[in-house]
Protein backbone atom coordinates (compact mmCIF):
# COMPACT_ATOMS: atom_id res chain seq x y z
CA UNK A 1 -10.60 146.89 56.32
CA UNK A 2 -8.40 144.11 57.02
CA UNK A 3 -9.73 140.77 56.59
CA UNK A 4 -8.03 137.14 56.38
CA UNK A 5 -6.26 135.95 53.34
CA UNK A 6 -8.39 134.05 50.70
CA UNK A 7 -6.71 131.02 49.27
CA UNK A 8 -6.25 133.36 46.22
CA UNK A 9 -4.33 135.24 48.22
CA UNK A 10 -2.14 132.66 49.71
CA UNK A 11 -1.59 131.19 46.34
CA UNK A 12 -0.75 134.52 44.51
CA UNK A 13 2.31 134.90 47.97
CA UNK A 14 3.30 131.33 47.60
CA UNK A 15 3.97 131.42 43.85
CA UNK A 16 6.11 134.38 44.09
CA UNK A 17 8.39 132.55 46.80
CA UNK A 18 8.31 129.43 43.86
CA UNK A 19 9.08 131.78 40.68
CA UNK A 20 11.54 134.04 42.85
CA UNK A 21 13.57 131.19 44.12
CA UNK A 22 17.08 129.77 42.80
CA UNK A 23 16.23 126.44 44.42
CA UNK A 24 15.31 123.16 42.37
CA UNK A 25 11.58 122.59 42.54
CA UNK A 26 12.09 119.38 44.97
CA UNK A 27 14.49 120.93 46.89
CA UNK A 28 14.20 121.11 50.88
CA UNK A 29 14.96 124.75 50.76
CA UNK A 30 12.15 125.83 48.54
CA UNK A 31 9.58 123.77 50.55
CA UNK A 32 10.85 125.14 53.68
CA UNK A 33 10.34 128.77 52.29
CA UNK A 34 6.83 128.02 50.84
CA UNK A 35 5.68 126.90 54.22
CA UNK A 36 7.18 129.46 56.16
CA UNK A 37 5.60 132.06 53.62
CA UNK A 38 2.36 130.21 54.30
CA UNK A 39 2.29 130.42 57.80
CA UNK A 40 3.31 134.33 57.59
CA UNK A 41 0.27 134.86 55.37
CA UNK A 42 -2.30 132.86 57.17
CA UNK A 43 -1.32 134.95 60.57
CA UNK A 44 -1.36 138.50 59.63
CA UNK A 45 -4.57 140.46 58.49
CA UNK A 46 -4.80 141.38 54.99
CA UNK A 47 -5.41 145.14 53.59
CA UNK A 48 -7.66 144.55 50.84
CA UNK A 49 -6.37 148.13 49.10
CA UNK A 50 -2.84 146.73 49.35
CA UNK A 51 -3.58 143.55 47.54
CA UNK A 52 -1.58 143.52 44.14
CA UNK A 53 -2.77 142.08 40.71
CA UNK A 54 -1.29 139.04 39.73
CA UNK A 55 0.27 139.06 36.11
CA UNK A 56 -1.30 136.07 34.44
CA UNK A 57 -1.31 134.79 30.75
CA UNK A 58 -3.74 132.57 28.89
CA UNK A 59 -2.76 130.88 25.86
CA UNK A 60 -5.26 129.41 23.45
CA UNK A 61 -5.11 128.43 20.00
CA UNK A 62 -1.21 129.86 19.77
CA UNK A 63 -2.67 133.13 20.84
CA UNK A 64 -1.50 134.49 24.17
CA UNK A 65 -4.07 136.87 26.03
CA UNK A 66 -2.25 138.79 29.24
CA UNK A 67 -4.22 139.40 32.02
CA UNK A 68 -4.06 140.62 35.35
CA UNK A 69 -5.76 138.52 38.56
CA UNK A 70 -7.43 140.36 42.01
CA UNK A 71 -6.45 137.47 44.10
CA UNK A 72 -8.65 139.12 46.73
CA UNK A 73 -11.72 139.03 44.56
CA UNK A 74 -10.77 136.68 42.04
CA UNK A 75 -11.48 139.28 39.19
CA UNK A 76 -9.28 139.20 36.07
CA UNK A 77 -8.66 142.31 34.05
CA UNK A 78 -7.58 141.29 30.36
CA UNK A 79 -4.42 143.31 29.37
CA UNK A 80 -3.81 142.50 25.47
CA UNK A 81 -5.88 141.32 22.68
CA UNK A 82 -9.49 142.25 21.64
CA UNK A 83 -10.62 142.68 25.03
CA UNK A 84 -8.00 144.66 26.47
CA UNK A 85 -9.33 146.59 29.43
CA UNK A 86 -12.12 143.96 30.30
CA UNK A 87 -12.74 143.28 33.40
CA UNK A 88 -14.17 139.81 34.52
CA UNK A 89 -16.01 138.54 37.95
CA UNK A 90 -13.80 135.54 37.73
CA UNK A 91 -11.20 133.61 35.91
CA UNK A 92 -13.73 131.09 34.24
CA UNK A 93 -15.73 133.53 32.77
CA UNK A 94 -12.70 135.51 31.46
CA UNK A 95 -11.45 132.74 30.04
CA UNK A 96 -14.26 131.53 28.04
CA UNK A 97 -14.70 135.35 26.78
CA UNK A 98 -11.12 134.95 25.57
CA UNK A 99 -11.98 131.66 23.63
CA UNK A 100 -14.77 133.19 22.08
CA UNK A 101 -12.78 136.81 21.08
CA UNK A 102 -9.76 134.44 20.07
CA UNK A 103 -11.98 132.09 17.70
CA UNK A 104 -14.03 135.52 16.52
CA UNK A 105 -10.40 137.22 15.53
CA UNK A 106 -9.66 133.55 13.93
CA UNK A 107 -12.74 133.40 11.82
CA UNK A 108 -12.65 136.91 10.45
CA UNK A 109 -8.90 136.61 9.19
CA UNK A 110 -9.56 133.80 7.78
CA UNK A 111 -12.82 135.15 5.84
CA UNK A 112 -10.67 138.36 4.80
CA UNK A 113 -7.79 135.74 3.66
CA UNK A 114 -9.97 133.60 2.01
CA UNK A 115 -11.83 136.65 -0.42
CA UNK A 116 -10.70 135.35 -3.78
CA UNK A 117 -13.69 134.71 -5.46
CA UNK A 118 -13.83 130.57 -4.74
CA UNK A 119 -16.72 129.43 -3.70
CA UNK A 120 -15.66 126.02 -2.51
CA UNK A 121 -17.25 124.98 0.91
CA UNK A 122 -19.58 128.06 1.30
CA UNK A 123 -22.13 127.40 3.49
CA UNK A 124 -20.87 124.15 4.94
CA UNK A 125 -20.55 123.85 8.45
CA UNK A 126 -18.38 121.30 10.57
CA UNK A 127 -19.58 120.02 13.81
CA UNK A 128 -16.29 120.01 16.50
CA UNK A 129 -16.45 118.71 19.95
CA UNK A 130 -16.13 121.62 22.62
CA UNK A 131 -12.51 121.79 23.38
CA UNK A 132 -11.65 121.79 27.14
CA UNK A 133 -11.46 125.42 28.79
CA UNK A 134 -7.79 126.51 28.81
CA UNK A 135 -6.62 127.76 32.17
CA UNK A 136 -5.00 130.99 33.35
CA UNK A 137 -0.92 130.77 34.33
CA UNK A 138 0.89 132.66 36.50
CA UNK A 139 3.22 134.90 33.73
CA UNK A 140 6.78 136.24 34.79
CA UNK A 141 7.30 139.52 34.70
CA UNK A 142 11.04 139.67 33.20
CA UNK A 143 12.27 137.68 35.77
CA UNK A 144 13.91 134.19 35.01
CA UNK A 145 11.70 131.52 36.13
CA UNK A 146 12.72 128.96 38.91
CA UNK A 147 15.20 126.37 38.46
CA UNK A 148 13.32 123.29 36.59
CA UNK A 149 15.69 120.40 35.99
CA UNK A 150 15.58 118.35 32.25
CA UNK A 151 12.62 116.24 31.49
CA UNK A 152 14.78 113.66 30.06
CA UNK A 153 18.57 112.84 31.37
CA UNK A 154 21.61 113.87 28.78
CA UNK A 155 23.06 110.59 27.01
CA UNK A 156 25.98 109.32 28.01
CA UNK A 157 27.79 107.78 25.09
C-alpha cells in the first residue's frame, strides 16, 4: 500500500542527508541537498513496507538506551536496557517508560550496595520536582557525524 510521506518519514530522510554530509552545518551545499531531498520525498509515494527503522537513542541519568523509530507510524522499539524488545506506540510513551525503568534499576543498585546494616535514612522520602522528559536523538550507525565547527574559536597568542 502506498501513502504520502508523513512528517516523520520526511524528517528521517532529511536527517540522513544531514548526517551523511561532509559540509558544515551552515553551508549552502548542505541546505540545497536537504531541500532537494525534501522536494523528492514529498513528490514520491511511500511504500510502507520499505520504510526503514531509524536508529535512535535516549540518554537519562548517564544511561543510554538505544532504540529504533519507525517513521511511518511513530512507533519506538527498545533495543538495549531492561526494556529490550518492547515496542511502544509513540516516542513520548517510550521515553516515559525508559525513565521509570532506569530509575527502578538505579534504585535496585542503590539498595543492594547499601545493604551494610546501617539504618541511617531508612523510611525517609525526599520529594523532588519532576524532571523534564528526555528526548530521543538520532543515533549514528558507526559513521562519523557531519562536520560541526568549534563552539569557541581557538585563542591566538
